[in-house]
Amino acid sequence: MPEGVLEVNLVSAKGLQNTDILFNMDAYVILTYRTQEKKSNVASGKGSNPEWDETFLFDVSSNDSTDLRIKILDKDSLTADDFVGHASIPLDALFRDGDIPAKSYNVMKDDAYCGEIRIGLNFTAQRSRGFDPTDGNIGGWKQSGDH
C-alpha cells in the first residue's frame, strides 16, 4: 500500500436539502480519512448550492486503504448544527491512478439521495523511508573501500 499525501479539493455541492426553514442554510463539511479530520469554512447563506473551493491534505501511510468520509452539516447559532447528508469515496482507484479530476458524488441521508458534492482528488506517493543496507551509507557516512 502506498505512502504519501492525499489532496482533497472540496469544490461545491448542489441540490442539498435546505434544513433552515426561514433562511438559506450555512453548510460546512467535515472530511475524515482514517483518524484524520478536517473541517471546511462555513458557506454562509449559500443554501442548497454552497461553494467552498478549499484544499485539504491528509497523510497516507502503509496499510491505509479506506474511504474518504464526508459529512455535510448546517451551522446553526442557537441550536445544534443540523445533519444535511453524507458521502463516502473509495480511494483504491486514486492510489492506483494518482489523480481523479473534480467530479460529483451522491450525498445520502437516511438511505435516500439528497444532492451531490463535487470533489477532486490527488495522491502524491512518497518513497519509503526504510533502511537500505546496499546503498553504502551507514549513519550518514559513506563507507570507504580502502583502509
N, C-alpha and C. Protein backbone atom coordinates (compact mmCIF):
# COMPACT_ATOMS: atom_id res chain seq x y z
N MET A 1 0.85 -1.18 0.00
CA MET A 1 0.00 0.00 0.00
C MET A 1 0.89 1.24 0.00
N PRO A 2 0.44 2.28 -0.65
CA PRO A 2 1.29 3.46 -0.82
C PRO A 2 1.40 4.32 0.44
N GLU A 3 2.45 5.14 0.42
CA GLU A 3 2.62 6.17 1.43
C GLU A 3 2.70 7.49 0.68
N GLY A 4 2.16 8.54 1.27
CA GLY A 4 2.22 9.82 0.60
C GLY A 4 1.21 10.80 1.15
N VAL A 5 0.76 11.68 0.26
CA VAL A 5 -0.16 12.74 0.66
C VAL A 5 -1.43 12.67 -0.20
N LEU A 6 -2.56 12.64 0.48
CA LEU A 6 -3.86 12.70 -0.18
C LEU A 6 -4.31 14.15 -0.18
N GLU A 7 -4.56 14.70 -1.37
CA GLU A 7 -5.02 16.08 -1.50
C GLU A 7 -6.48 16.04 -1.93
N VAL A 8 -7.33 16.70 -1.15
CA VAL A 8 -8.76 16.73 -1.42
C VAL A 8 -9.17 18.16 -1.75
N ASN A 9 -9.70 18.37 -2.95
CA ASN A 9 -10.18 19.69 -3.34
C ASN A 9 -11.71 19.69 -3.22
N LEU A 10 -12.20 20.33 -2.17
CA LEU A 10 -13.64 20.45 -1.93
C LEU A 10 -14.14 21.62 -2.76
N VAL A 11 -14.93 21.34 -3.80
CA VAL A 11 -15.34 22.38 -4.74
C VAL A 11 -16.69 22.97 -4.34
N SER A 12 -17.74 22.16 -4.39
CA SER A 12 -19.08 22.68 -4.16
C SER A 12 -20.06 21.54 -3.92
N ALA A 13 -21.31 21.91 -3.69
CA ALA A 13 -22.39 20.92 -3.60
C ALA A 13 -23.60 21.53 -4.29
N LYS A 14 -24.52 20.67 -4.69
CA LYS A 14 -25.75 21.19 -5.29
C LYS A 14 -26.92 20.27 -4.97
N GLY A 15 -28.09 20.87 -4.93
CA GLY A 15 -29.31 20.11 -4.70
C GLY A 15 -29.47 19.60 -3.28
N LEU A 16 -28.73 20.18 -2.33
CA LEU A 16 -28.87 19.74 -0.94
C LEU A 16 -30.21 20.18 -0.38
N GLN A 17 -30.72 19.43 0.57
CA GLN A 17 -31.97 19.79 1.22
C GLN A 17 -31.68 20.90 2.23
N ASN A 18 -32.36 22.04 2.08
CA ASN A 18 -32.17 23.17 2.98
C ASN A 18 -32.80 22.83 4.32
N THR A 19 -31.99 22.78 5.36
CA THR A 19 -32.50 22.41 6.68
C THR A 19 -33.04 23.60 7.47
N ASP A 20 -32.80 24.81 6.97
CA ASP A 20 -33.33 26.00 7.64
C ASP A 20 -34.68 26.36 7.03
N ILE A 21 -35.63 26.68 7.89
CA ILE A 21 -36.98 26.99 7.42
C ILE A 21 -37.08 28.41 6.88
N LEU A 22 -36.53 29.37 7.62
CA LEU A 22 -36.67 30.77 7.25
C LEU A 22 -35.53 31.33 6.42
N PHE A 23 -34.36 30.74 6.52
CA PHE A 23 -33.18 31.29 5.86
C PHE A 23 -32.49 30.23 5.01
N ASN A 24 -31.54 30.69 4.19
CA ASN A 24 -30.68 29.74 3.49
C ASN A 24 -29.73 29.13 4.50
N MET A 25 -29.48 27.83 4.35
CA MET A 25 -28.58 27.18 5.31
C MET A 25 -27.13 27.62 5.09
N ASP A 26 -26.34 27.43 6.14
CA ASP A 26 -24.93 27.76 6.14
C ASP A 26 -24.15 26.45 6.23
N ALA A 27 -23.89 25.84 5.09
CA ALA A 27 -23.31 24.50 5.05
C ALA A 27 -21.80 24.51 5.26
N TYR A 28 -21.34 23.47 5.91
CA TYR A 28 -19.91 23.20 6.01
C TYR A 28 -19.72 21.69 5.94
N VAL A 29 -18.46 21.29 5.73
CA VAL A 29 -18.15 19.88 5.51
C VAL A 29 -17.08 19.41 6.49
N ILE A 30 -17.26 18.21 7.00
CA ILE A 30 -16.22 17.55 7.78
C ILE A 30 -15.73 16.37 6.95
N LEU A 31 -14.42 16.39 6.63
CA LEU A 31 -13.80 15.34 5.84
C LEU A 31 -13.00 14.46 6.79
N THR A 32 -13.18 13.15 6.68
CA THR A 32 -12.48 12.23 7.57
C THR A 32 -11.78 11.16 6.75
N TYR A 33 -10.47 11.02 7.01
CA TYR A 33 -9.70 9.93 6.42
C TYR A 33 -9.02 9.21 7.57
N ARG A 34 -9.41 7.98 7.82
CA ARG A 34 -8.94 7.20 8.96
C ARG A 34 -9.15 8.01 10.24
N THR A 35 -8.10 8.40 10.95
CA THR A 35 -8.28 9.14 12.20
C THR A 35 -8.11 10.65 12.00
N GLN A 36 -7.83 11.07 10.77
CA GLN A 36 -7.61 12.49 10.50
C GLN A 36 -8.93 13.14 10.10
N GLU A 37 -9.18 14.31 10.67
CA GLU A 37 -10.44 15.02 10.39
C GLU A 37 -10.14 16.47 10.06
N LYS A 38 -10.77 16.98 9.00
CA LYS A 38 -10.60 18.38 8.58
C LYS A 38 -11.99 18.99 8.42
N LYS A 39 -12.08 20.29 8.69
CA LYS A 39 -13.36 20.98 8.61
C LYS A 39 -13.25 22.16 7.65
N SER A 40 -14.22 22.29 6.76
CA SER A 40 -14.22 23.39 5.80
C SER A 40 -14.72 24.67 6.46
N ASN A 41 -14.58 25.76 5.73
CA ASN A 41 -15.20 27.01 6.14
C ASN A 41 -16.72 26.86 5.99
N VAL A 42 -17.47 27.72 6.65
CA VAL A 42 -18.92 27.73 6.53
C VAL A 42 -19.29 28.57 5.32
N ALA A 43 -20.10 27.99 4.42
CA ALA A 43 -20.59 28.72 3.24
C ALA A 43 -21.85 29.48 3.67
N SER A 44 -21.64 30.63 4.31
CA SER A 44 -22.74 31.39 4.90
C SER A 44 -23.78 31.83 3.88
N GLY A 45 -25.03 31.47 4.14
CA GLY A 45 -26.16 31.91 3.32
C GLY A 45 -26.20 31.36 1.92
N LYS A 46 -25.42 30.33 1.64
CA LYS A 46 -25.37 29.77 0.27
C LYS A 46 -26.45 28.74 0.01
N GLY A 47 -27.17 28.35 1.05
CA GLY A 47 -28.32 27.45 0.88
C GLY A 47 -27.98 26.09 0.33
N SER A 48 -28.77 25.64 -0.63
CA SER A 48 -28.68 24.28 -1.16
C SER A 48 -27.54 24.06 -2.14
N ASN A 49 -26.89 25.15 -2.57
CA ASN A 49 -25.82 25.05 -3.56
C ASN A 49 -24.54 25.77 -3.09
N PRO A 50 -23.96 25.32 -1.99
CA PRO A 50 -22.78 26.01 -1.45
C PRO A 50 -21.52 25.78 -2.29
N GLU A 51 -20.61 26.74 -2.21
CA GLU A 51 -19.31 26.61 -2.87
C GLU A 51 -18.23 26.87 -1.83
N TRP A 52 -17.17 26.05 -1.87
CA TRP A 52 -16.07 26.21 -0.92
C TRP A 52 -14.75 26.48 -1.61
N ASP A 53 -14.39 25.68 -2.60
CA ASP A 53 -13.11 25.75 -3.28
C ASP A 53 -11.95 25.78 -2.28
N GLU A 54 -11.88 24.74 -1.46
CA GLU A 54 -10.83 24.60 -0.44
C GLU A 54 -10.08 23.30 -0.67
N THR A 55 -8.82 23.29 -0.26
CA THR A 55 -7.98 22.10 -0.41
C THR A 55 -7.52 21.63 0.97
N PHE A 56 -7.57 20.33 1.17
CA PHE A 56 -7.17 19.71 2.43
C PHE A 56 -6.15 18.62 2.16
N LEU A 57 -5.17 18.46 3.05
CA LEU A 57 -4.14 17.44 2.90
C LEU A 57 -4.24 16.43 4.03
N PHE A 58 -4.11 15.15 3.66
CA PHE A 58 -4.14 14.05 4.63
C PHE A 58 -2.88 13.21 4.42
N ASP A 59 -2.29 12.74 5.51
CA ASP A 59 -1.16 11.83 5.43
C ASP A 59 -1.67 10.42 5.18
N VAL A 60 -1.02 9.74 4.24
CA VAL A 60 -1.37 8.35 3.94
C VAL A 60 -0.15 7.51 4.29
N SER A 61 -0.33 6.53 5.14
CA SER A 61 0.77 5.64 5.47
C SER A 61 0.40 4.22 5.05
N SER A 62 1.38 3.34 5.06
CA SER A 62 1.13 1.99 4.58
C SER A 62 -0.03 1.34 5.33
N ASN A 63 -0.67 0.45 4.66
CA ASN A 63 -1.85 -0.26 5.15
C ASN A 63 -3.08 0.63 5.25
N ASP A 64 -3.00 1.83 4.69
CA ASP A 64 -4.17 2.72 4.65
C ASP A 64 -4.92 2.48 3.35
N SER A 65 -5.93 1.69 3.40
CA SER A 65 -6.80 1.51 2.25
C SER A 65 -8.22 1.63 2.77
N THR A 66 -8.74 2.82 2.67
CA THR A 66 -10.05 3.07 3.23
C THR A 66 -10.74 4.16 2.44
N ASP A 67 -11.94 4.50 2.83
CA ASP A 67 -12.69 5.53 2.14
C ASP A 67 -12.47 6.89 2.76
N LEU A 68 -12.69 7.92 1.95
CA LEU A 68 -12.76 9.29 2.44
C LEU A 68 -14.22 9.51 2.80
N ARG A 69 -14.47 9.87 4.06
CA ARG A 69 -15.84 10.07 4.51
C ARG A 69 -16.14 11.57 4.57
N ILE A 70 -17.31 11.93 4.08
CA ILE A 70 -17.73 13.32 4.01
C ILE A 70 -19.05 13.48 4.73
N LYS A 71 -19.09 14.46 5.61
CA LYS A 71 -20.33 14.76 6.33
C LYS A 71 -20.63 16.23 6.12
N ILE A 72 -21.85 16.53 5.67
CA ILE A 72 -22.27 17.91 5.44
C ILE A 72 -23.23 18.32 6.56
N LEU A 73 -22.95 19.48 7.13
CA LEU A 73 -23.77 19.98 8.23
C LEU A 73 -24.19 21.42 7.94
N ASP A 74 -25.25 21.86 8.61
CA ASP A 74 -25.74 23.22 8.52
C ASP A 74 -25.44 23.91 9.85
N LYS A 75 -24.62 24.96 9.81
CA LYS A 75 -24.23 25.68 11.02
C LYS A 75 -25.41 26.48 11.54
N ASP A 76 -25.78 26.20 12.79
CA ASP A 76 -26.86 26.95 13.46
C ASP A 76 -26.26 27.65 14.67
N SER A 77 -26.73 28.87 14.93
CA SER A 77 -26.15 29.62 16.05
C SER A 77 -26.84 29.34 17.39
N LEU A 78 -28.13 29.06 17.38
CA LEU A 78 -28.86 28.88 18.64
C LEU A 78 -29.10 27.42 19.01
N THR A 79 -29.07 26.55 18.03
CA THR A 79 -29.31 25.12 18.28
C THR A 79 -28.15 24.31 17.73
N ALA A 80 -28.19 23.02 17.94
CA ALA A 80 -27.15 22.14 17.41
C ALA A 80 -27.16 22.18 15.88
N ASP A 81 -25.98 22.03 15.30
CA ASP A 81 -25.88 22.02 13.84
C ASP A 81 -26.69 20.86 13.28
N ASP A 82 -27.35 21.10 12.13
CA ASP A 82 -28.20 20.09 11.51
C ASP A 82 -27.39 19.23 10.55
N PHE A 83 -27.64 17.91 10.59
CA PHE A 83 -27.04 16.98 9.65
C PHE A 83 -27.75 17.10 8.31
N VAL A 84 -26.98 17.35 7.24
CA VAL A 84 -27.56 17.51 5.91
C VAL A 84 -27.46 16.22 5.12
N GLY A 85 -26.29 15.57 5.18
CA GLY A 85 -26.09 14.34 4.44
C GLY A 85 -24.65 13.90 4.50
N HIS A 86 -24.37 12.74 3.89
CA HIS A 86 -23.01 12.20 3.91
C HIS A 86 -22.69 11.52 2.58
N ALA A 87 -21.39 11.34 2.34
CA ALA A 87 -20.92 10.61 1.17
C ALA A 87 -19.66 9.87 1.57
N SER A 88 -19.36 8.82 0.82
CA SER A 88 -18.15 8.04 1.07
C SER A 88 -17.50 7.77 -0.29
N ILE A 89 -16.19 8.05 -0.37
CA ILE A 89 -15.47 7.89 -1.63
C ILE A 89 -14.38 6.85 -1.45
N PRO A 90 -14.48 5.70 -2.17
CA PRO A 90 -13.41 4.70 -2.11
C PRO A 90 -12.14 5.26 -2.75
N LEU A 91 -10.98 4.99 -2.16
CA LEU A 91 -9.74 5.59 -2.63
C LEU A 91 -8.81 4.63 -3.35
N ASP A 92 -9.20 3.37 -3.52
CA ASP A 92 -8.32 2.39 -4.17
C ASP A 92 -7.90 2.83 -5.57
N ALA A 93 -8.84 3.33 -6.38
CA ALA A 93 -8.53 3.78 -7.74
C ALA A 93 -7.58 4.97 -7.71
N LEU A 94 -7.76 5.86 -6.74
CA LEU A 94 -6.89 7.03 -6.62
C LEU A 94 -5.46 6.60 -6.32
N PHE A 95 -5.28 5.66 -5.38
CA PHE A 95 -3.95 5.20 -5.03
C PHE A 95 -3.27 4.52 -6.22
N ARG A 96 -4.06 3.93 -7.09
CA ARG A 96 -3.53 3.26 -8.27
C ARG A 96 -3.21 4.27 -9.37
N ASP A 97 -4.13 5.24 -9.61
CA ASP A 97 -4.01 6.16 -10.74
C ASP A 97 -3.35 7.49 -10.39
N GLY A 98 -3.42 7.91 -9.12
CA GLY A 98 -2.76 9.13 -8.68
C GLY A 98 -3.58 10.40 -8.78
N ASP A 99 -4.64 10.42 -9.60
CA ASP A 99 -5.39 11.66 -9.77
C ASP A 99 -6.81 11.36 -10.25
N ILE A 100 -7.78 11.97 -9.61
CA ILE A 100 -9.17 11.89 -10.07
C ILE A 100 -9.67 13.33 -10.15
N PRO A 101 -9.84 13.86 -11.38
CA PRO A 101 -10.32 15.24 -11.52
C PRO A 101 -11.67 15.43 -10.82
N ALA A 102 -11.98 16.69 -10.51
CA ALA A 102 -13.21 17.00 -9.78
C ALA A 102 -14.42 16.36 -10.46
N LYS A 103 -15.20 15.65 -9.66
CA LYS A 103 -16.44 15.06 -10.15
C LYS A 103 -17.44 15.02 -9.01
N SER A 104 -18.70 14.76 -9.34
CA SER A 104 -19.76 14.77 -8.34
C SER A 104 -19.99 13.38 -7.75
N TYR A 105 -20.26 13.37 -6.44
CA TYR A 105 -20.57 12.15 -5.72
C TYR A 105 -21.93 12.34 -5.04
N ASN A 106 -22.71 11.27 -4.98
CA ASN A 106 -24.03 11.35 -4.36
C ASN A 106 -23.94 11.59 -2.86
N VAL A 107 -24.80 12.48 -2.38
CA VAL A 107 -24.94 12.72 -0.95
C VAL A 107 -26.19 11.98 -0.51
N MET A 108 -26.07 11.23 0.59
CA MET A 108 -27.19 10.42 1.07
C MET A 108 -27.61 10.86 2.47
N LYS A 109 -28.88 10.66 2.76
CA LYS A 109 -29.41 10.88 4.10
C LYS A 109 -30.54 9.88 4.29
N ASP A 110 -30.47 9.10 5.35
CA ASP A 110 -31.48 8.06 5.61
C ASP A 110 -31.66 7.15 4.40
N ASP A 111 -30.54 6.73 3.80
CA ASP A 111 -30.54 5.84 2.63
C ASP A 111 -31.24 6.41 1.41
N ALA A 112 -31.40 7.73 1.35
CA ALA A 112 -32.03 8.37 0.20
C ALA A 112 -31.10 9.43 -0.37
N TYR A 113 -31.12 9.57 -1.71
CA TYR A 113 -30.32 10.58 -2.39
C TYR A 113 -30.80 11.96 -1.96
N CYS A 114 -29.86 12.86 -1.62
CA CYS A 114 -30.28 14.21 -1.22
C CYS A 114 -29.35 15.29 -1.74
N GLY A 115 -28.72 15.05 -2.89
CA GLY A 115 -27.88 16.07 -3.51
C GLY A 115 -26.55 15.48 -3.95
N GLU A 116 -25.66 16.38 -4.37
CA GLU A 116 -24.34 15.97 -4.87
C GLU A 116 -23.27 16.87 -4.27
N ILE A 117 -22.09 16.30 -4.13
CA ILE A 117 -20.94 17.08 -3.69
C ILE A 117 -19.83 16.88 -4.71
N ARG A 118 -19.17 17.96 -5.09
CA ARG A 118 -18.14 17.92 -6.12
C ARG A 118 -16.76 18.01 -5.46
N ILE A 119 -15.93 16.98 -5.74
CA ILE A 119 -14.63 16.86 -5.09
C ILE A 119 -13.60 16.36 -6.11
N GLY A 120 -12.40 16.94 -6.04
CA GLY A 120 -11.27 16.46 -6.83
C GLY A 120 -10.26 15.81 -5.89
N LEU A 121 -9.58 14.78 -6.36
CA LEU A 121 -8.64 14.04 -5.52
C LEU A 121 -7.30 13.89 -6.21
N ASN A 122 -6.24 13.98 -5.42
CA ASN A 122 -4.90 13.77 -5.95
C ASN A 122 -4.09 13.02 -4.90
N PHE A 123 -3.29 12.08 -5.35
CA PHE A 123 -2.42 11.35 -4.44
C PHE A 123 -0.99 11.48 -4.92
N THR A 124 -0.10 11.93 -4.03
CA THR A 124 1.31 12.04 -4.34
C THR A 124 2.05 11.01 -3.49
N ALA A 125 2.61 10.02 -4.16
CA ALA A 125 3.32 8.95 -3.44
C ALA A 125 4.69 9.45 -3.00
N GLN A 126 5.13 8.94 -1.86
CA GLN A 126 6.47 9.24 -1.37
C GLN A 126 7.23 7.93 -1.29
N ARG A 127 8.51 7.99 -1.57
CA ARG A 127 9.33 6.78 -1.46
C ARG A 127 9.40 6.35 -0.02
N SER A 128 9.47 5.08 0.16
CA SER A 128 9.60 4.54 1.51
C SER A 128 10.90 5.04 2.13
N ARG A 129 10.83 5.37 3.41
CA ARG A 129 12.00 5.88 4.11
C ARG A 129 12.73 4.76 4.85
N GLY A 130 12.58 3.54 4.35
CA GLY A 130 13.22 2.39 5.01
C GLY A 130 14.73 2.37 4.82
N PHE A 131 15.42 1.62 5.62
CA PHE A 131 16.87 1.50 5.56
C PHE A 131 17.26 0.53 4.45
N ASP A 132 18.19 0.96 3.60
CA ASP A 132 18.68 0.10 2.52
C ASP A 132 20.15 -0.18 2.77
N PRO A 133 20.48 -1.39 3.26
CA PRO A 133 21.88 -1.69 3.61
C PRO A 133 22.79 -1.79 2.39
N THR A 134 22.26 -1.81 1.18
CA THR A 134 23.09 -1.96 -0.01
C THR A 134 23.54 -0.63 -0.59
N ASP A 135 23.10 0.50 -0.02
CA ASP A 135 23.45 1.78 -0.64
C ASP A 135 24.81 2.32 -0.17
N GLY A 136 25.49 1.64 0.77
CA GLY A 136 26.82 2.04 1.20
C GLY A 136 26.83 3.15 2.23
N ASN A 137 25.72 3.74 2.51
CA ASN A 137 25.64 4.80 3.51
C ASN A 137 25.30 4.19 4.86
N ILE A 138 26.11 4.47 5.84
CA ILE A 138 25.85 3.96 7.18
C ILE A 138 25.87 5.15 8.13
N GLY A 139 24.75 5.45 8.73
CA GLY A 139 24.69 6.55 9.68
C GLY A 139 25.05 7.89 9.06
N GLY A 140 24.79 8.07 7.79
CA GLY A 140 25.09 9.34 7.14
C GLY A 140 26.50 9.40 6.58
N TRP A 141 27.33 8.39 6.83
CA TRP A 141 28.70 8.36 6.33
C TRP A 141 28.80 7.35 5.20
N LYS A 142 29.56 7.68 4.21
CA LYS A 142 29.80 6.76 3.10
C LYS A 142 30.94 5.83 3.50
N GLN A 143 30.72 4.55 3.40
CA GLN A 143 31.77 3.60 3.80
C GLN A 143 32.85 3.57 2.73
N SER A 144 34.07 3.66 3.17
CA SER A 144 35.19 3.68 2.25
C SER A 144 35.68 2.26 1.99
N GLY A 145 36.15 2.00 0.77
CA GLY A 145 36.62 0.68 0.41
C GLY A 145 38.07 0.47 0.77
N ASP A 146 38.86 1.56 0.95
CA ASP A 146 40.27 1.38 1.27
C ASP A 146 40.56 1.74 2.72
N HIS A 147 41.34 0.89 3.38
CA HIS A 147 41.66 1.10 4.79
C HIS A 147 43.12 1.39 4.95
